[in-house]
Amino acid sequence: MTQFIQRLIRWMPLILLFLLFMVDRDKVIHQVGYIVLLLSYTAILILRILYAKENWHREFSTDDIAKDSKVEKMRDYEKRLIEKENLVEESHK
């Protein structure tokens, strides 16, 4: 069931494009159905982006680095991540 939903989400842009051409613009039910489908797909995409962002922060535990006032540029941020990764590797040895 989850694979079906994932495939449906993956193909949803083409489905929405096809339905855009097929919707009878004189029928309110077709218009409302298309708009509801479009908004629900948009909400799913936004939720997936927010989940990925939260998961990324949890996976790399960058909250302490993000709050560091010394990190001003992306290069500084990368250096801090590399330093932290090296410390983790040394502690495992």
C-alpha atoms as a PDB file:
ATOM      1  CA  MET A   1       0.000   0.000   0.000  1.00  0.00           C
ATOM      2  CA  THR A   2       2.803   2.430   0.842  1.00  0.00           C
ATOM      3  CA  GLN A   3       4.544   1.715  -2.467  1.00  0.00           C
ATOM      4  CA  PHE A   4       1.316   2.498  -4.295  1.00  0.00           C
ATOM      5  CA  ILE A   5       1.037   5.844  -2.498  1.00  0.00           C
ATOM      6  CA  GLN A   6       4.684   6.647  -3.236  1.00  0.00           C
ATOM      7  CA  ARG A   7       4.180   5.863  -6.907  1.00  0.00           C
ATOM      8  CA  LEU A   8       1.025   7.951  -6.962  1.00  0.00           C
ATOM      9  CA  ILE A   9       2.864  10.910  -5.432  1.00  0.00           C
ATOM     10  CA  ARG A  10       5.696  10.478  -7.918  1.00  0.00           C
ATOM     11  CA  TRP A  11       3.302  10.515 -10.889  1.00  0.00           C
ATOM     12  CA  MET A  12       0.988  13.198  -9.472  1.00  0.00           C
ATOM     13  CA  PRO A  13       2.374  16.106 -11.575  1.00  0.00           C
ATOM     14  CA  LEU A  14       1.522  14.247 -14.777  1.00  0.00           C
ATOM     15  CA  ILE A  15      -1.849  13.211 -13.401  1.00  0.00           C
ATOM     16  CA  LEU A  16      -2.615  16.813 -12.476  1.00  0.00           C
ATOM     17  CA  LEU A  17      -1.554  18.012 -15.928  1.00  0.00           C
ATOM     18  CA  PHE A  18      -3.754  15.394 -17.582  1.00  0.00           C
ATOM     19  CA  LEU A  19      -6.689  16.293 -15.312  1.00  0.00           C
ATOM     20  CA  LEU A  20      -6.189  19.987 -16.064  1.00  0.00           C
ATOM     21  CA  PHE A  21      -7.009  19.296 -19.700  1.00  0.00           C
ATOM     22  CA  MET A  22      -9.833  16.889 -18.860  1.00  0.00           C
ATOM     23  CA  VAL A  23     -11.667  18.969 -16.233  1.00  0.00           C
ATOM     24  CA  ASP A  24     -15.049  20.202 -17.387  1.00  0.00           C
ATOM     25  CA  ARG A  25     -14.871  23.868 -16.444  1.00  0.00           C
ATOM     26  CA  ASP A  26     -18.631  24.213 -16.445  1.00  0.00           C
ATOM     27  CA  LYS A  27     -19.044  21.705 -13.596  1.00  0.00           C
ATOM     28  CA  VAL A  28     -18.294  23.027 -10.136  1.00  0.00           C
ATOM     29  CA  ILE A  29     -17.609  19.544  -8.770  1.00  0.00           C
ATOM     30  CA  HIS A  30     -14.796  19.030 -11.289  1.00  0.00           C
ATOM     31  CA  GLN A  31     -13.288  22.406 -10.415  1.00  0.00           C
ATOM     32  CA  VAL A  32     -13.475  21.834  -6.665  1.00  0.00           C
ATOM     33  CA  GLY A  33     -12.116  18.288  -6.982  1.00  0.00           C
ATOM     34  CA  TYR A  34      -9.143  19.450  -9.030  1.00  0.00           C
ATOM     35  CA  ILE A  35      -8.364  22.291  -6.622  1.00  0.00           C
ATOM     36  CA  VAL A  36      -8.620  19.969  -3.602  1.00  0.00           C
ATOM     37  CA  LEU A  37      -6.320  17.448  -5.283  1.00  0.00           C
ATOM     38  CA  LEU A  38      -3.835  20.172  -6.183  1.00  0.00           C
ATOM     39  CA  LEU A  39      -3.827  21.631  -2.655  1.00  0.00           C
ATOM     40  CA  SER A  40      -3.471  18.218  -1.036  1.00  0.00           C
ATOM     41  CA  TYR A  41      -0.511  17.379  -3.289  1.00  0.00           C
ATOM     42  CA  THR A  42       1.067  20.731  -2.415  1.00  0.00           C
ATOM     43  CA  ALA A  43       0.570  20.035   1.295  1.00  0.00           C
ATOM     44  CA  ILE A  44       2.196  16.605   0.928  1.00  0.00           C
ATOM     45  CA  LEU A  45       5.220  18.159  -0.778  1.00  0.00           C
ATOM     46  CA  ILE A  46       5.564  20.805   1.925  1.00  0.00           C
ATOM     47  CA  LEU A  47       5.305  18.191   4.678  1.00  0.00           C
ATOM     48  CA  ARG A  48       7.957  16.051   2.993  1.00  0.00           C
ATOM     49  CA  ILE A  49      10.311  19.038   2.767  1.00  0.00           C
ATOM     50  CA  LEU A  50       9.764  19.944   6.416  1.00  0.00           C
ATOM     51  CA  TYR A  51      10.299  16.332   7.479  1.00  0.00           C
ATOM     52  CA  ALA A  52      13.516  16.113   5.460  1.00  0.00           C
ATOM     53  CA  LYS A  53      14.757  19.337   7.031  1.00  0.00           C
ATOM     54  CA  GLU A  54      13.985  18.086  10.546  1.00  0.00           C
ATOM     55  CA  ASN A  55      15.531  14.699   9.823  1.00  0.00           C
ATOM     56  CA  TRP A  56      18.690  16.334   8.446  1.00  0.00           C
ATOM     57  CA  HIS A  57      19.147  18.381  11.599  1.00  0.00           C
ATOM     58  CA  ARG A  58      18.551  15.320  13.744  1.00  0.00           C
ATOM     59  CA  GLU A  59      20.921  13.169  11.698  1.00  0.00           C
ATOM     60  CA  PHE A  60      23.838  15.583  11.699  1.00  0.00           C
ATOM     61  CA  SER A  61      23.019  17.205  15.079  1.00  0.00           C
ATOM     62  CA  THR A  62      23.968  20.655  13.844  1.00  0.00           C
ATOM     63  CA  ASP A  63      21.964  22.690  16.330  1.00  0.00           C
ATOM     64  CA  ASP A  64      25.012  23.562  18.412  1.00  0.00           C
ATOM     65  CA  ILE A  65      26.994  24.562  15.317  1.00  0.00           C
ATOM     66  CA  ALA A  66      24.116  26.644  13.946  1.00  0.00           C
ATOM     67  CA  LYS A  67      23.964  28.635  17.194  1.00  0.00           C
ATOM     68  CA  ASP A  68      27.715  29.292  17.172  1.00  0.00           C
ATOM     69  CA  SER A  69      28.402  32.975  16.561  1.00  0.00           C
ATOM     70  CA  LYS A  70      31.780  32.212  14.920  1.00  0.00           C
ATOM     71  CA  VAL A  71      30.064  30.551  11.970  1.00  0.00           C
ATOM     72  CA  GLU A  72      29.307  33.312   9.498  1.00  0.00           C
ATOM     73  CA  LYS A  73      29.895  31.722   6.102  1.00  0.00           C
ATOM     74  CA  MET A  74      29.209  28.345   4.598  1.00  0.00           C
ATOM     75  CA  ARG A  75      32.961  27.670   4.550  1.00  0.00           C
ATOM     76  CA  ASP A  76      33.095  28.135   8.340  1.00  0.00           C
ATOM     77  CA  TYR A  77      30.123  25.844   8.727  1.00  0.00           C
ATOM     78  CA  GLU A  78      31.791  23.155   6.607  1.00  0.00           C
ATOM     79  CA  LYS A  79      34.994  23.417   8.646  1.00  0.00           C
ATOM     80  CA  ARG A  80      33.070  22.987  11.881  1.00  0.00           C
ATOM     81  CA  LEU A  81      31.255  19.923  10.512  1.00  0.00           C
ATOM     82  CA  ILE A  82      34.556  18.375   9.394  1.00  0.00           C
ATOM     83  CA  GLU A  83      36.121  19.070  12.798  1.00  0.00           C
ATOM     84  CA  LYS A  84      33.168  17.494  14.539  1.00  0.00           C
ATOM     85  CA  GLU A  85      33.295  14.460  12.225  1.00  0.00           C
ATOM     86  CA  ASN A  86      37.026  14.025  12.886  1.00  0.00           C
ATOM     87  CA  LEU A  87      36.436  14.141  16.631  1.00  0.00           C
ATOM     88  CA  VAL A  88      33.783  11.453  16.344  1.00  0.00           C
ATOM     89  CA  GLU A  89      36.074   9.230  14.263  1.00  0.00           C
ATOM     90  CA  GLU A  90      38.953   9.647  16.757  1.00  0.00           C
ATOM     91  CA  SER A  91      36.725   8.720  19.672  1.00  0.00           C
ATOM     92  CA  HIS A  92      35.711   5.472  17.935  1.00  0.00           C
ATOM     93  CA  LYS A  93      39.328   4.365  17.460  1.00  0.00           C
END
